[in-house]
Amino acid sequence: MIKKYSGLANKELTVAYKKLSKDLDRAYSRALGEAERMADAMEEHKPSNIKKLEKLDEDVNSLQMELDAIGMLKTGRFC
């Protein structure tokens, strides 16, 4: 993940960070909305819906990891 952004300047990292942050917010909202819809319809335990929620969770986690990678490159702090 970090290799993808390693050659960018600080300004470019800031732009990438803001874009990914918006993408993460959208993905999180989409996942939360879908989970609430399933819960309201009492359908959250269906295997197909569990797979949908797992996929949405993977998307959110992937975006969060990218965002963390950019943050580490910007600050120079690697955990």
PDB file of N, CA and C in Angstrom:
ATOM      1  N   MET A   1       0.812  -1.177   0.000  1.00  0.00           N
ATOM      2  CA  MET A   1       0.000   0.000   0.000  1.00  0.00           C
ATOM      3  C   MET A   1       0.868   1.259   0.000  1.00  0.00           C
ATOM      4  N   ILE A   2       1.895   1.254   0.826  1.00  0.00           N
ATOM      5  CA  ILE A   2       2.733   2.439   0.952  1.00  0.00           C
ATOM      6  C   ILE A   2       3.515   2.680  -0.340  1.00  0.00           C
ATOM      7  N   LYS A   3       3.925   1.628  -1.028  1.00  0.00           N
ATOM      8  CA  LYS A   3       4.679   1.781  -2.268  1.00  0.00           C
ATOM      9  C   LYS A   3       3.879   2.563  -3.309  1.00  0.00           C
ATOM     10  N   LYS A   4       2.569   2.422  -3.266  1.00  0.00           N
ATOM     11  CA  LYS A   4       1.691   3.106  -4.218  1.00  0.00           C
ATOM     12  C   LYS A   4       1.828   4.624  -4.102  1.00  0.00           C
ATOM     13  N   TYR A   5       2.082   5.122  -2.917  1.00  0.00           N
ATOM     14  CA  TYR A   5       2.124   6.559  -2.665  1.00  0.00           C
ATOM     15  C   TYR A   5       3.519   7.092  -2.335  1.00  0.00           C
ATOM     16  N   SER A   6       4.532   6.250  -2.319  1.00  0.00           N
ATOM     17  CA  SER A   6       5.838   6.650  -1.796  1.00  0.00           C
ATOM     18  C   SER A   6       6.526   7.763  -2.585  1.00  0.00           C
ATOM     19  N   GLY A   7       6.262   7.932  -3.868  1.00  0.00           N
ATOM     20  CA  GLY A   7       6.948   8.948  -4.648  1.00  0.00           C
ATOM     21  C   GLY A   7       6.256  10.296  -4.672  1.00  0.00           C
ATOM     22  N   LEU A   8       5.134  10.414  -4.009  1.00  0.00           N
ATOM     23  CA  LEU A   8       4.367  11.654  -4.076  1.00  0.00           C
ATOM     24  C   LEU A   8       4.895  12.704  -3.112  1.00  0.00           C
ATOM     25  N   ALA A   9       4.775  13.956  -3.526  1.00  0.00           N
ATOM     26  CA  ALA A   9       5.146  15.070  -2.656  1.00  0.00           C
ATOM     27  C   ALA A   9       4.060  15.281  -1.605  1.00  0.00           C
ATOM     28  N   ASN A  10       4.363  16.081  -0.605  1.00  0.00           N
ATOM     29  CA  ASN A  10       3.439  16.299   0.504  1.00  0.00           C
ATOM     30  C   ASN A  10       2.086  16.846   0.027  1.00  0.00           C
ATOM     31  N   LYS A  11       2.109  17.775  -0.929  1.00  0.00           N
ATOM     32  CA  LYS A  11       0.860  18.350  -1.444  1.00  0.00           C
ATOM     33  C   LYS A  11       0.022  17.280  -2.142  1.00  0.00           C
ATOM     34  N   GLU A  12       0.683  16.435  -2.928  1.00  0.00           N
ATOM     35  CA  GLU A  12      -0.027  15.344  -3.609  1.00  0.00           C
ATOM     36  C   GLU A  12      -0.587  14.346  -2.607  1.00  0.00           C
ATOM     37  N   LEU A  13       0.159  14.093  -1.535  1.00  0.00           N
ATOM     38  CA  LEU A  13      -0.334  13.199  -0.489  1.00  0.00           C
ATOM     39  C   LEU A  13      -1.573  13.783   0.183  1.00  0.00           C
ATOM     40  N   THR A  14      -1.576  15.103   0.369  1.00  0.00           N
ATOM     41  CA  THR A  14      -2.730  15.760   0.982  1.00  0.00           C
ATOM     42  C   THR A  14      -3.961  15.603   0.103  1.00  0.00           C
ATOM     43  N   VAL A  15      -3.793  15.784  -1.197  1.00  0.00           N
ATOM     44  CA  VAL A  15      -4.914  15.629  -2.133  1.00  0.00           C
ATOM     45  C   VAL A  15      -5.419  14.188  -2.118  1.00  0.00           C
ATOM     46  N   ALA A  16      -4.494  13.230  -2.157  1.00  0.00           N
ATOM     47  CA  ALA A  16      -4.875  11.812  -2.121  1.00  0.00           C
ATOM     48  C   ALA A  16      -5.570  11.476  -0.806  1.00  0.00           C
ATOM     49  N   TYR A  17      -5.078  12.041   0.292  1.00  0.00           N
ATOM     50  CA  TYR A  17      -5.665  11.788   1.610  1.00  0.00           C
ATOM     51  C   TYR A  17      -7.102  12.300   1.664  1.00  0.00           C
ATOM     52  N   LYS A  18      -7.338  13.507   1.149  1.00  0.00           N
ATOM     53  CA  LYS A  18      -8.690  14.075   1.158  1.00  0.00           C
ATOM     54  C   LYS A  18      -9.637  13.254   0.298  1.00  0.00           C
ATOM     55  N   LYS A  19      -9.167  12.816  -0.872  1.00  0.00           N
ATOM     56  CA  LYS A  19     -10.014  12.002  -1.755  1.00  0.00           C
ATOM     57  C   LYS A  19     -10.362  10.672  -1.090  1.00  0.00           C
ATOM     58  N   LEU A  20      -9.359  10.017  -0.528  1.00  0.00           N
ATOM     59  CA  LEU A  20      -9.610   8.739   0.135  1.00  0.00           C
ATOM     60  C   LEU A  20     -10.500   8.907   1.357  1.00  0.00           C
ATOM     61  N   SER A  21     -10.354  10.017   2.041  1.00  0.00           N
ATOM     62  CA  SER A  21     -11.187  10.277   3.202  1.00  0.00           C
ATOM     63  C   SER A  21     -12.662  10.373   2.798  1.00  0.00           C
ATOM     64  N   LYS A  22     -12.923  11.070   1.701  1.00  0.00           N
ATOM     65  CA  LYS A  22     -14.307  11.173   1.199  1.00  0.00           C
ATOM     66  C   LYS A  22     -14.817   9.808   0.755  1.00  0.00           C
ATOM     67  N   ASP A  23     -13.968   9.043   0.053  1.00  0.00           N
ATOM     68  CA  ASP A  23     -14.357   7.698  -0.386  1.00  0.00           C
ATOM     69  C   ASP A  23     -14.670   6.804   0.808  1.00  0.00           C
ATOM     70  N   LEU A  24     -13.874   6.925   1.860  1.00  0.00           N
ATOM     71  CA  LEU A  24     -14.089   6.132   3.070  1.00  0.00           C
ATOM     72  C   LEU A  24     -15.407   6.514   3.738  1.00  0.00           C
ATOM     73  N   ASP A  25     -15.689   7.802   3.815  1.00  0.00           N
ATOM     74  CA  ASP A  25     -16.953   8.247   4.401  1.00  0.00           C
ATOM     75  C   ASP A  25     -18.145   7.698   3.622  1.00  0.00           C
ATOM     76  N   ARG A  26     -18.044   7.735   2.296  1.00  0.00           N
ATOM     77  CA  ARG A  26     -19.137   7.206   1.463  1.00  0.00           C
ATOM     78  C   ARG A  26     -19.300   5.700   1.663  1.00  0.00           C
ATOM     79  N   ALA A  27     -18.189   4.978   1.670  1.00  0.00           N
ATOM     80  CA  ALA A  27     -18.246   3.521   1.835  1.00  0.00           C
ATOM     81  C   ALA A  27     -18.813   3.159   3.206  1.00  0.00           C
ATOM     82  N   TYR A  28     -18.399   3.896   4.227  1.00  0.00           N
ATOM     83  CA  TYR A  28     -18.902   3.636   5.577  1.00  0.00           C
ATOM     84  C   TYR A  28     -20.405   3.914   5.647  1.00  0.00           C
ATOM     85  N   SER A  29     -20.843   5.013   5.054  1.00  0.00           N
ATOM     86  CA  SER A  29     -22.272   5.348   5.048  1.00  0.00           C
ATOM     87  C   SER A  29     -23.077   4.305   4.293  1.00  0.00           C
ATOM     88  N   ARG A  30     -22.525   3.851   3.153  1.00  0.00           N
ATOM     89  CA  ARG A  30     -23.213   2.829   2.357  1.00  0.00           C
ATOM     90  C   ARG A  30     -23.338   1.532   3.153  1.00  0.00           C
ATOM     91  N   ALA A  31     -22.264   1.131   3.828  1.00  0.00           N
ATOM     92  CA  ALA A  31     -22.290  -0.097   4.616  1.00  0.00           C
ATOM     93  C   ALA A  31     -23.264   0.018   5.784  1.00  0.00           C
ATOM     94  N   LEU A  32     -23.239   1.147   6.457  1.00  0.00           N
ATOM     95  CA  LEU A  32     -24.142   1.350   7.587  1.00  0.00           C
ATOM     96  C   LEU A  32     -25.598   1.375   7.137  1.00  0.00           C
ATOM     97  N   GLY A  33     -25.866   2.057   6.037  1.00  0.00           N
ATOM     98  CA  GLY A  33     -27.226   2.112   5.501  1.00  0.00           C
ATOM     99  C   GLY A  33     -27.745   0.744   5.105  1.00  0.00           C
ATOM    100  N   GLU A  34     -26.888  -0.028   4.467  1.00  0.00           N
ATOM    101  CA  GLU A  34     -27.279  -1.385   4.059  1.00  0.00           C
ATOM    102  C   GLU A  34     -27.543  -2.266   5.278  1.00  0.00           C
ATOM    103  N   ALA A  35     -26.709  -2.162   6.290  1.00  0.00           N
ATOM    104  CA  ALA A  35     -26.899  -2.949   7.508  1.00  0.00           C
ATOM    105  C   ALA A  35     -28.195  -2.559   8.214  1.00  0.00           C
ATOM    106  N   GLU A  36     -28.473  -1.269   8.268  1.00  0.00           N
ATOM    107  CA  GLU A  36     -29.716  -0.816   8.898  1.00  0.00           C
ATOM    108  C   GLU A  36     -30.934  -1.288   8.118  1.00  0.00           C
ATOM    109  N   ARG A  37     -30.843  -1.242   6.785  1.00  0.00           N
ATOM    110  CA  ARG A  37     -31.955  -1.704   5.955  1.00  0.00           C
ATOM    111  C   ARG A  37     -32.230  -3.191   6.190  1.00  0.00           C
ATOM    112  N   MET A  38     -31.154  -3.970   6.268  1.00  0.00           N
ATOM    113  CA  MET A  38     -31.308  -5.409   6.505  1.00  0.00           C
ATOM    114  C   MET A  38     -31.880  -5.667   7.892  1.00  0.00           C
ATOM    115  N   ALA A  39     -31.436  -4.907   8.860  1.00  0.00           N
ATOM    116  CA  ALA A  39     -31.938  -5.094  10.226  1.00  0.00           C
ATOM    117  C   ALA A  39     -33.416  -4.739  10.310  1.00  0.00           C
ATOM    118  N   ASP A  40     -33.813  -3.667   9.639  1.00  0.00           N
ATOM    119  CA  ASP A  40     -35.219  -3.279   9.636  1.00  0.00           C
ATOM    120  C   ASP A  40     -36.097  -4.337   8.982  1.00  0.00           C
ATOM    121  N   ALA A  41     -35.567  -4.987   7.960  1.00  0.00           N
ATOM    122  CA  ALA A  41     -36.324  -6.020   7.249  1.00  0.00           C
ATOM    123  C   ALA A  41     -36.121  -7.403   7.871  1.00  0.00           C
ATOM    124  N   MET A  42     -35.362  -7.472   8.978  1.00  0.00           N
ATOM    125  CA  MET A  42     -35.079  -8.740   9.657  1.00  0.00           C
ATOM    126  C   MET A  42     -34.408  -9.739   8.714  1.00  0.00           C
ATOM    127  N   GLU A  43     -33.522  -9.251   7.861  1.00  0.00           N
ATOM    128  CA  GLU A  43     -32.864 -10.099   6.867  1.00  0.00           C
ATOM    129  C   GLU A  43     -31.355 -10.207   7.068  1.00  0.00           C
ATOM    130  N   GLU A  44     -30.839  -9.700   8.182  1.00  0.00           N
ATOM    131  CA  GLU A  44     -29.390  -9.652   8.340  1.00  0.00           C
ATOM    132  C   GLU A  44     -28.746 -11.019   8.535  1.00  0.00           C
ATOM    133  N   HIS A  45     -29.527 -12.056   8.796  1.00  0.00           N
ATOM    134  CA  HIS A  45     -28.949 -13.375   9.038  1.00  0.00           C
ATOM    135  C   HIS A  45     -28.945 -14.276   7.810  1.00  0.00           C
ATOM    136  N   LYS A  46     -29.449 -13.783   6.694  1.00  0.00           N
ATOM    137  CA  LYS A  46     -29.407 -14.575   5.461  1.00  0.00           C
ATOM    138  C   LYS A  46     -27.965 -14.661   4.970  1.00  0.00           C
ATOM    139  N   PRO A  47     -27.548 -15.835   4.508  1.00  0.00           N
ATOM    140  CA  PRO A  47     -26.165 -16.001   4.040  1.00  0.00           C
ATOM    141  C   PRO A  47     -25.765 -14.996   2.946  1.00  0.00           C
ATOM    142  N   SER A  48     -26.661 -14.711   2.016  1.00  0.00           N
ATOM    143  CA  SER A  48     -26.314 -13.768   0.948  1.00  0.00           C
ATOM    144  C   SER A  48     -26.113 -12.360   1.506  1.00  0.00           C
ATOM    145  N   ASN A  49     -26.878 -11.990   2.500  1.00  0.00           N
ATOM    146  CA  ASN A  49     -26.733 -10.669   3.103  1.00  0.00           C
ATOM    147  C   ASN A  49     -25.479 -10.584   3.966  1.00  0.00           C
ATOM    148  N   ILE A  50     -25.128 -11.688   4.593  1.00  0.00           N
ATOM    149  CA  ILE A  50     -23.887 -11.716   5.374  1.00  0.00           C
ATOM    150  C   ILE A  50     -22.698 -11.487   4.443  1.00  0.00           C
ATOM    151  N   LYS A  51     -22.737 -12.110   3.262  1.00  0.00           N
ATOM    152  CA  LYS A  51     -21.660 -11.918   2.287  1.00  0.00           C
ATOM    153  C   LYS A  51     -21.613 -10.467   1.809  1.00  0.00           C
ATOM    154  N   LYS A  52     -22.772  -9.858   1.599  1.00  0.00           N
ATOM    155  CA  LYS A  52     -22.808  -8.448   1.199  1.00  0.00           C
ATOM    156  C   LYS A  52     -22.172  -7.565   2.260  1.00  0.00           C
ATOM    157  N   LEU A  53     -22.533  -7.813   3.499  1.00  0.00           N
ATOM    158  CA  LEU A  53     -21.979  -7.012   4.590  1.00  0.00           C
ATOM    159  C   LEU A  53     -20.475  -7.235   4.751  1.00  0.00           C
ATOM    160  N   GLU A  54     -20.028  -8.473   4.560  1.00  0.00           N
ATOM    161  CA  GLU A  54     -18.599  -8.754   4.629  1.00  0.00           C
ATOM    162  C   GLU A  54     -17.846  -8.026   3.520  1.00  0.00           C
ATOM    163  N   LYS A  55     -18.419  -7.987   2.322  1.00  0.00           N
ATOM    164  CA  LYS A  55     -17.793  -7.283   1.199  1.00  0.00           C
ATOM    165  C   LYS A  55     -17.713  -5.786   1.495  1.00  0.00           C
ATOM    166  N   LEU A  56     -18.791  -5.209   2.008  1.00  0.00           N
ATOM    167  CA  LEU A  56     -18.783  -3.794   2.362  1.00  0.00           C
ATOM    168  C   LEU A  56     -17.752  -3.516   3.457  1.00  0.00           C
ATOM    169  N   ASP A  57     -17.633  -4.428   4.414  1.00  0.00           N
ATOM    170  CA  ASP A  57     -16.655  -4.285   5.483  1.00  0.00           C
ATOM    171  C   ASP A  57     -15.227  -4.340   4.928  1.00  0.00           C
ATOM    172  N   GLU A  58     -14.989  -5.235   3.982  1.00  0.00           N
ATOM    173  CA  GLU A  58     -13.675  -5.330   3.348  1.00  0.00           C
ATOM    174  C   GLU A  58     -13.337  -4.041   2.608  1.00  0.00           C
ATOM    175  N   ASP A  59     -14.325  -3.460   1.919  1.00  0.00           N
ATOM    176  CA  ASP A  59     -14.103  -2.208   1.205  1.00  0.00           C
ATOM    177  C   ASP A  59     -13.714  -1.092   2.168  1.00  0.00           C
ATOM    178  N   VAL A  60     -14.437  -0.993   3.274  1.00  0.00           N
ATOM    179  CA  VAL A  60     -14.150   0.036   4.274  1.00  0.00           C
ATOM    180  C   VAL A  60     -12.756  -0.185   4.864  1.00  0.00           C
ATOM    181  N   ASN A  61     -12.423  -1.426   5.202  1.00  0.00           N
ATOM    182  CA  ASN A  61     -11.110  -1.726   5.775  1.00  0.00           C
ATOM    183  C   ASN A  61      -9.972  -1.410   4.805  1.00  0.00           C
ATOM    184  N   SER A  62     -10.174  -1.720   3.537  1.00  0.00           N
ATOM    185  CA  SER A  62      -9.158  -1.446   2.530  1.00  0.00           C
ATOM    186  C   SER A  62      -8.911   0.053   2.401  1.00  0.00           C
ATOM    187  N   LEU A  63      -9.981   0.823   2.348  1.00  0.00           N
ATOM    188  CA  LEU A  63      -9.838   2.279   2.262  1.00  0.00           C
ATOM    189  C   LEU A  63      -9.178   2.840   3.515  1.00  0.00           C
ATOM    190  N   GLN A  64      -9.521   2.288   4.668  1.00  0.00           N
ATOM    191  CA  GLN A  64      -8.915   2.761   5.914  1.00  0.00           C
ATOM    192  C   GLN A  64      -7.418   2.479   5.935  1.00  0.00           C
ATOM    193  N   MET A  65      -7.016   1.319   5.429  1.00  0.00           N
ATOM    194  CA  MET A  65      -5.597   0.987   5.388  1.00  0.00           C
ATOM    195  C   MET A  65      -4.842   1.927   4.454  1.00  0.00           C
ATOM    196  N   GLU A  66      -5.447   2.259   3.310  1.00  0.00           N
ATOM    197  CA  GLU A  66      -4.807   3.202   2.390  1.00  0.00           C
ATOM    198  C   GLU A  66      -4.670   4.570   3.037  1.00  0.00           C
ATOM    199  N   LEU A  67      -5.725   4.992   3.718  1.00  0.00           N
ATOM    200  CA  LEU A  67      -5.708   6.288   4.393  1.00  0.00           C
ATOM    201  C   LEU A  67      -4.623   6.314   5.466  1.00  0.00           C
ATOM    202  N   ASP A  68      -4.494   5.235   6.216  1.00  0.00           N
ATOM    203  CA  ASP A  68      -3.449   5.139   7.237  1.00  0.00           C
ATOM    204  C   ASP A  68      -2.055   5.182   6.606  1.00  0.00           C
ATOM    205  N   ALA A  69      -1.899   4.515   5.458  1.00  0.00           N
ATOM    206  CA  ALA A  69      -0.605   4.506   4.769  1.00  0.00           C
ATOM    207  C   ALA A  69      -0.218   5.918   4.344  1.00  0.00           C
ATOM    208  N   ILE A  70      -1.161   6.658   3.805  1.00  0.00           N
ATOM    209  CA  ILE A  70      -0.881   8.033   3.396  1.00  0.00           C
ATOM    210  C   ILE A  70      -0.546   8.879   4.618  1.00  0.00           C
ATOM    211  N   GLY A  71      -1.286   8.688   5.690  1.00  0.00           N
ATOM    212  CA  GLY A  71      -1.016   9.424   6.918  1.00  0.00           C
ATOM    213  C   GLY A  71       0.387   9.152   7.445  1.00  0.00           C
ATOM    214  N   MET A  72       0.815   7.901   7.376  1.00  0.00           N
ATOM    215  CA  MET A  72       2.166   7.563   7.824  1.00  0.00           C
ATOM    216  C   MET A  72       3.219   8.209   6.941  1.00  0.00           C
ATOM    217  N   LEU A  73       2.978   8.242   5.627  1.00  0.00           N
ATOM    218  CA  LEU A  73       3.934   8.874   4.732  1.00  0.00           C
ATOM    219  C   LEU A  73       4.011  10.377   4.975  1.00  0.00           C
ATOM    220  N   LYS A  74       2.867  10.982   5.241  1.00  0.00           N
ATOM    221  CA  LYS A  74       2.846  12.438   5.493  1.00  0.00           C
ATOM    222  C   LYS A  74       3.586  12.798   6.773  1.00  0.00           C
ATOM    223  N   THR A  75       3.386  12.012   7.810  1.00  0.00           N
ATOM    224  CA  THR A  75       3.992  12.338   9.087  1.00  0.00           C
ATOM    225  C   THR A  75       5.377  11.747   9.249  1.00  0.00           C
ATOM    226  N   GLY A  76       5.681  10.732   8.472  1.00  0.00           N
ATOM    227  CA  GLY A  76       6.972  10.059   8.608  1.00  0.00           C
ATOM    228  C   GLY A  76       7.011   9.098   9.781  1.00  0.00           C
ATOM    229  N   ARG A  77       5.844   8.815  10.347  1.00  0.00           N
ATOM    230  CA  ARG A  77       5.772   7.891  11.487  1.00  0.00           C
ATOM    231  C   ARG A  77       5.215   6.555  11.029  1.00  0.00           C
ATOM    232  N   PHE A  78       6.016   5.537  11.177  1.00  0.00           N
ATOM    233  CA  PHE A  78       5.594   4.204  10.797  1.00  0.00           C
ATOM    234  C   PHE A  78       5.471   3.361  12.048  1.00  0.00           C
ATOM    235  N   CYS A  79       4.284   2.829  12.264  1.00  0.00           N
ATOM    236  CA  CYS A  79       4.015   2.044  13.486  1.00  0.00           C
ATOM    237  C   CYS A  79       4.521   0.637  13.338  1.00  0.00           C
TER     238      CYS A  79
END
